[in-house]
Amino acid sequence: MTTLRHGIEGPGDHGTFRHLAEAGEAYLKPQPIPGLPAQIIYESVGPIFSVQPWNVPFWQVLRFSNTTALVGNTALIKHAETLR
């Protein structure tokens, strides 16, 4: 949690997006599996669909779309039709 304007606490700020932009490539590098002649390779899988409530905080939508786009996927976001 970070403190936003007027002392209100929120889930993040521009520092999170800056971190993804600077260190995102390091997260996607192939990682060796200890003890095996194999490695983990991160690849895009295509469009990723997400249903978000219409009154969701904008931060949640950005968090989904930024990490999805980092890998090279397309983010499809639809507003939920029913809410209680």
N, C-alpha and C. Protein backbone atom coordinates (compact mmCIF):
# COMPACT_ATOMS: atom_id res chain seq x y z
N MET A 1 0.84 -1.17 0.00
CA MET A 1 0.00 0.00 0.00
C MET A 1 0.89 1.24 0.00
N THR A 2 0.50 2.20 -0.78
CA THR A 2 1.18 3.47 -0.78
C THR A 2 0.19 4.56 -0.42
N THR A 3 0.70 5.67 0.07
CA THR A 3 -0.17 6.77 0.44
C THR A 3 -0.31 7.71 -0.75
N LEU A 4 -1.53 7.94 -1.15
CA LEU A 4 -1.81 8.82 -2.27
C LEU A 4 -2.06 10.22 -1.75
N ARG A 5 -2.55 11.11 -2.59
CA ARG A 5 -2.86 12.48 -2.17
C ARG A 5 -3.81 12.50 -0.98
N HIS A 6 -3.66 13.49 -0.16
CA HIS A 6 -4.53 13.74 1.00
C HIS A 6 -4.50 12.59 2.00
N GLY A 7 -3.44 11.77 2.03
CA GLY A 7 -3.29 10.71 3.02
C GLY A 7 -4.14 9.49 2.78
N ILE A 8 -4.78 9.37 1.62
CA ILE A 8 -5.60 8.20 1.33
C ILE A 8 -4.69 7.08 0.86
N GLU A 9 -4.86 5.89 1.43
CA GLU A 9 -4.03 4.76 1.03
C GLU A 9 -4.64 4.04 -0.16
N GLY A 10 -3.79 3.66 -1.09
CA GLY A 10 -4.24 2.95 -2.28
C GLY A 10 -3.31 1.80 -2.59
N PRO A 11 -3.66 0.97 -3.57
CA PRO A 11 -2.87 -0.22 -3.88
C PRO A 11 -1.58 0.06 -4.62
N GLY A 12 -1.37 1.24 -5.17
CA GLY A 12 -0.13 1.48 -5.90
C GLY A 12 -0.09 2.86 -6.50
N ASP A 13 0.97 3.15 -7.18
CA ASP A 13 1.11 4.43 -7.85
C ASP A 13 1.90 4.22 -9.13
N HIS A 14 2.41 5.30 -9.68
CA HIS A 14 3.15 5.20 -10.93
C HIS A 14 4.45 4.40 -10.78
N GLY A 15 4.95 4.24 -9.57
CA GLY A 15 6.17 3.47 -9.35
C GLY A 15 6.02 2.02 -9.78
N THR A 16 4.83 1.47 -9.62
CA THR A 16 4.59 0.08 -10.02
C THR A 16 4.71 -0.06 -11.53
N PHE A 17 4.14 0.89 -12.27
CA PHE A 17 4.22 0.82 -13.72
C PHE A 17 5.64 1.05 -14.20
N ARG A 18 6.35 1.94 -13.52
CA ARG A 18 7.75 2.20 -13.86
C ARG A 18 8.58 0.93 -13.63
N HIS A 19 8.31 0.25 -12.53
CA HIS A 19 9.04 -0.99 -12.23
C HIS A 19 8.79 -2.03 -13.32
N LEU A 20 7.54 -2.21 -13.74
CA LEU A 20 7.25 -3.17 -14.81
C LEU A 20 7.94 -2.79 -16.11
N ALA A 21 8.02 -1.51 -16.41
CA ALA A 21 8.67 -1.07 -17.64
C ALA A 21 10.18 -1.31 -17.59
N GLU A 22 10.79 -1.12 -16.42
CA GLU A 22 12.23 -1.28 -16.30
C GLU A 22 12.66 -2.72 -16.09
N ALA A 23 11.96 -3.47 -15.25
CA ALA A 23 12.38 -4.82 -14.89
C ALA A 23 11.55 -5.91 -15.55
N GLY A 24 10.60 -5.54 -16.37
CA GLY A 24 9.72 -6.54 -16.99
C GLY A 24 10.45 -7.55 -17.84
N GLU A 25 11.47 -7.12 -18.55
CA GLU A 25 12.23 -8.03 -19.41
C GLU A 25 12.95 -9.10 -18.59
N ALA A 26 13.43 -8.73 -17.41
CA ALA A 26 14.12 -9.69 -16.55
C ALA A 26 13.16 -10.78 -16.06
N TYR A 27 11.89 -10.43 -15.85
CA TYR A 27 10.91 -11.43 -15.41
C TYR A 27 10.64 -12.46 -16.50
N LEU A 28 10.83 -12.10 -17.75
CA LEU A 28 10.48 -12.97 -18.86
C LEU A 28 11.65 -13.79 -19.40
N LYS A 29 12.84 -13.63 -18.84
CA LYS A 29 13.99 -14.41 -19.29
C LYS A 29 13.79 -15.89 -18.95
N PRO A 30 14.27 -16.79 -19.82
CA PRO A 30 14.18 -18.23 -19.50
C PRO A 30 14.90 -18.54 -18.19
N GLN A 31 14.28 -19.38 -17.37
CA GLN A 31 14.85 -19.75 -16.07
C GLN A 31 15.16 -21.24 -16.05
N PRO A 32 16.40 -21.62 -15.72
CA PRO A 32 16.73 -23.04 -15.65
C PRO A 32 16.06 -23.72 -14.46
N ILE A 33 15.76 -25.00 -14.62
CA ILE A 33 15.19 -25.80 -13.54
C ILE A 33 16.34 -26.59 -12.92
N PRO A 34 16.62 -26.37 -11.63
CA PRO A 34 17.75 -27.06 -10.99
C PRO A 34 17.61 -28.58 -11.06
N GLY A 35 18.69 -29.24 -11.46
CA GLY A 35 18.70 -30.70 -11.50
C GLY A 35 18.12 -31.31 -12.77
N LEU A 36 17.61 -30.49 -13.67
CA LEU A 36 17.03 -31.00 -14.92
C LEU A 36 17.63 -30.25 -16.11
N PRO A 37 17.75 -30.94 -17.23
CA PRO A 37 18.23 -30.24 -18.44
C PRO A 37 17.07 -29.53 -19.14
N ALA A 38 16.35 -28.71 -18.40
CA ALA A 38 15.18 -28.03 -18.94
C ALA A 38 15.15 -26.60 -18.42
N GLN A 39 14.28 -25.80 -19.00
CA GLN A 39 14.12 -24.43 -18.53
C GLN A 39 12.68 -23.99 -18.72
N ILE A 40 12.30 -22.98 -17.95
CA ILE A 40 10.97 -22.40 -18.05
C ILE A 40 11.05 -21.23 -19.02
N ILE A 41 10.21 -21.25 -20.05
CA ILE A 41 10.19 -20.19 -21.05
C ILE A 41 8.82 -19.56 -21.04
N TYR A 42 8.77 -18.24 -20.92
CA TYR A 42 7.51 -17.51 -20.91
C TYR A 42 7.19 -17.05 -22.32
N GLU A 43 6.02 -17.42 -22.81
CA GLU A 43 5.59 -17.03 -24.15
C GLU A 43 4.15 -16.51 -24.09
N SER A 44 3.80 -15.72 -25.07
CA SER A 44 2.43 -15.23 -25.12
C SER A 44 1.49 -16.36 -25.54
N VAL A 45 0.27 -16.30 -25.09
CA VAL A 45 -0.71 -17.35 -25.40
C VAL A 45 -1.87 -16.83 -26.23
N GLY A 46 -1.90 -15.52 -26.50
CA GLY A 46 -2.99 -14.96 -27.29
C GLY A 46 -3.87 -14.05 -26.45
N PRO A 47 -5.10 -13.84 -26.89
CA PRO A 47 -5.99 -12.93 -26.16
C PRO A 47 -6.38 -13.48 -24.79
N ILE A 48 -6.38 -12.63 -23.78
CA ILE A 48 -6.79 -12.99 -22.42
C ILE A 48 -8.05 -12.19 -22.11
N PHE A 49 -9.11 -12.88 -21.73
CA PHE A 49 -10.41 -12.25 -21.48
C PHE A 49 -10.63 -12.07 -19.99
N SER A 50 -11.14 -10.92 -19.59
CA SER A 50 -11.42 -10.64 -18.19
C SER A 50 -12.76 -9.93 -18.07
N VAL A 51 -13.60 -10.39 -17.15
CA VAL A 51 -14.87 -9.72 -16.87
C VAL A 51 -14.68 -8.94 -15.57
N GLN A 52 -14.83 -7.62 -15.65
CA GLN A 52 -14.62 -6.74 -14.50
C GLN A 52 -15.94 -6.07 -14.14
N PRO A 53 -16.22 -5.86 -12.86
CA PRO A 53 -17.42 -5.11 -12.49
C PRO A 53 -17.35 -3.68 -13.02
N TRP A 54 -18.47 -3.08 -13.29
CA TRP A 54 -18.49 -1.73 -13.85
C TRP A 54 -17.96 -0.69 -12.86
N ASN A 55 -18.06 -0.99 -11.58
CA ASN A 55 -17.63 -0.03 -10.57
C ASN A 55 -16.28 -0.40 -9.96
N VAL A 56 -15.49 -1.18 -10.67
CA VAL A 56 -14.19 -1.61 -10.16
C VAL A 56 -13.21 -0.43 -10.17
N PRO A 57 -12.28 -0.39 -9.23
CA PRO A 57 -11.27 0.67 -9.28
C PRO A 57 -10.43 0.56 -10.56
N PHE A 58 -10.10 1.70 -11.13
CA PHE A 58 -9.34 1.73 -12.37
C PHE A 58 -8.01 1.01 -12.23
N TRP A 59 -7.44 1.02 -11.01
CA TRP A 59 -6.17 0.36 -10.76
C TRP A 59 -6.25 -1.14 -11.09
N GLN A 60 -7.34 -1.79 -10.78
CA GLN A 60 -7.48 -3.23 -11.04
C GLN A 60 -7.43 -3.53 -12.53
N VAL A 61 -8.07 -2.70 -13.33
CA VAL A 61 -8.05 -2.89 -14.79
C VAL A 61 -6.65 -2.65 -15.33
N LEU A 62 -5.96 -1.62 -14.84
CA LEU A 62 -4.59 -1.36 -15.29
C LEU A 62 -3.65 -2.48 -14.90
N ARG A 63 -3.80 -3.01 -13.69
CA ARG A 63 -2.93 -4.09 -13.24
C ARG A 63 -3.10 -5.31 -14.13
N PHE A 64 -4.33 -5.62 -14.52
CA PHE A 64 -4.58 -6.76 -15.41
C PHE A 64 -4.01 -6.51 -16.80
N SER A 65 -4.28 -5.34 -17.36
CA SER A 65 -3.87 -5.09 -18.74
C SER A 65 -2.35 -4.90 -18.88
N ASN A 66 -1.70 -4.31 -17.89
CA ASN A 66 -0.24 -4.11 -17.97
C ASN A 66 0.52 -5.42 -17.92
N THR A 67 0.18 -6.29 -17.00
CA THR A 67 0.90 -7.56 -16.91
C THR A 67 0.57 -8.46 -18.10
N THR A 68 -0.63 -8.36 -18.63
CA THR A 68 -1.00 -9.15 -19.81
C THR A 68 -0.23 -8.67 -21.03
N ALA A 69 -0.15 -7.36 -21.21
CA ALA A 69 0.57 -6.80 -22.36
C ALA A 69 2.08 -6.99 -22.24
N LEU A 70 2.60 -7.10 -21.03
CA LEU A 70 4.03 -7.29 -20.83
C LEU A 70 4.52 -8.55 -21.52
N VAL A 71 3.72 -9.59 -21.49
CA VAL A 71 4.10 -10.86 -22.10
C VAL A 71 3.83 -10.86 -23.60
N GLY A 72 3.00 -9.95 -24.08
CA GLY A 72 2.69 -9.89 -25.49
C GLY A 72 1.29 -10.36 -25.83
N ASN A 73 0.47 -10.55 -24.81
CA ASN A 73 -0.92 -10.96 -25.03
C ASN A 73 -1.81 -9.75 -25.27
N THR A 74 -2.99 -10.00 -25.80
CA THR A 74 -3.99 -8.96 -25.96
C THR A 74 -4.97 -9.05 -24.81
N ALA A 75 -5.27 -7.93 -24.17
CA ALA A 75 -6.21 -7.90 -23.05
C ALA A 75 -7.58 -7.50 -23.55
N LEU A 76 -8.57 -8.36 -23.32
CA LEU A 76 -9.97 -8.07 -23.65
C LEU A 76 -10.72 -7.90 -22.33
N ILE A 77 -11.28 -6.73 -22.12
CA ILE A 77 -11.96 -6.44 -20.86
C ILE A 77 -13.43 -6.14 -21.14
N LYS A 78 -14.31 -6.84 -20.43
CA LYS A 78 -15.75 -6.65 -20.59
C LYS A 78 -16.33 -6.29 -19.23
N HIS A 79 -17.27 -5.38 -19.22
CA HIS A 79 -17.93 -5.04 -17.98
C HIS A 79 -18.96 -6.11 -17.64
N ALA A 80 -19.05 -6.47 -16.37
CA ALA A 80 -20.05 -7.45 -15.92
C ALA A 80 -21.43 -6.84 -16.05
N GLU A 81 -22.37 -7.65 -16.51
CA GLU A 81 -23.73 -7.16 -16.71
C GLU A 81 -24.54 -7.16 -15.42
N THR A 82 -24.25 -8.08 -14.52
CA THR A 82 -25.02 -8.15 -13.28
C THR A 82 -24.11 -7.97 -12.09
N LEU A 83 -24.54 -7.16 -11.16
CA LEU A 83 -23.84 -6.96 -9.89
C LEU A 83 -24.86 -6.96 -8.78
N ARG A 84 -24.48 -7.39 -7.62
CA ARG A 84 -25.39 -7.38 -6.47
C ARG A 84 -24.99 -6.34 -5.50
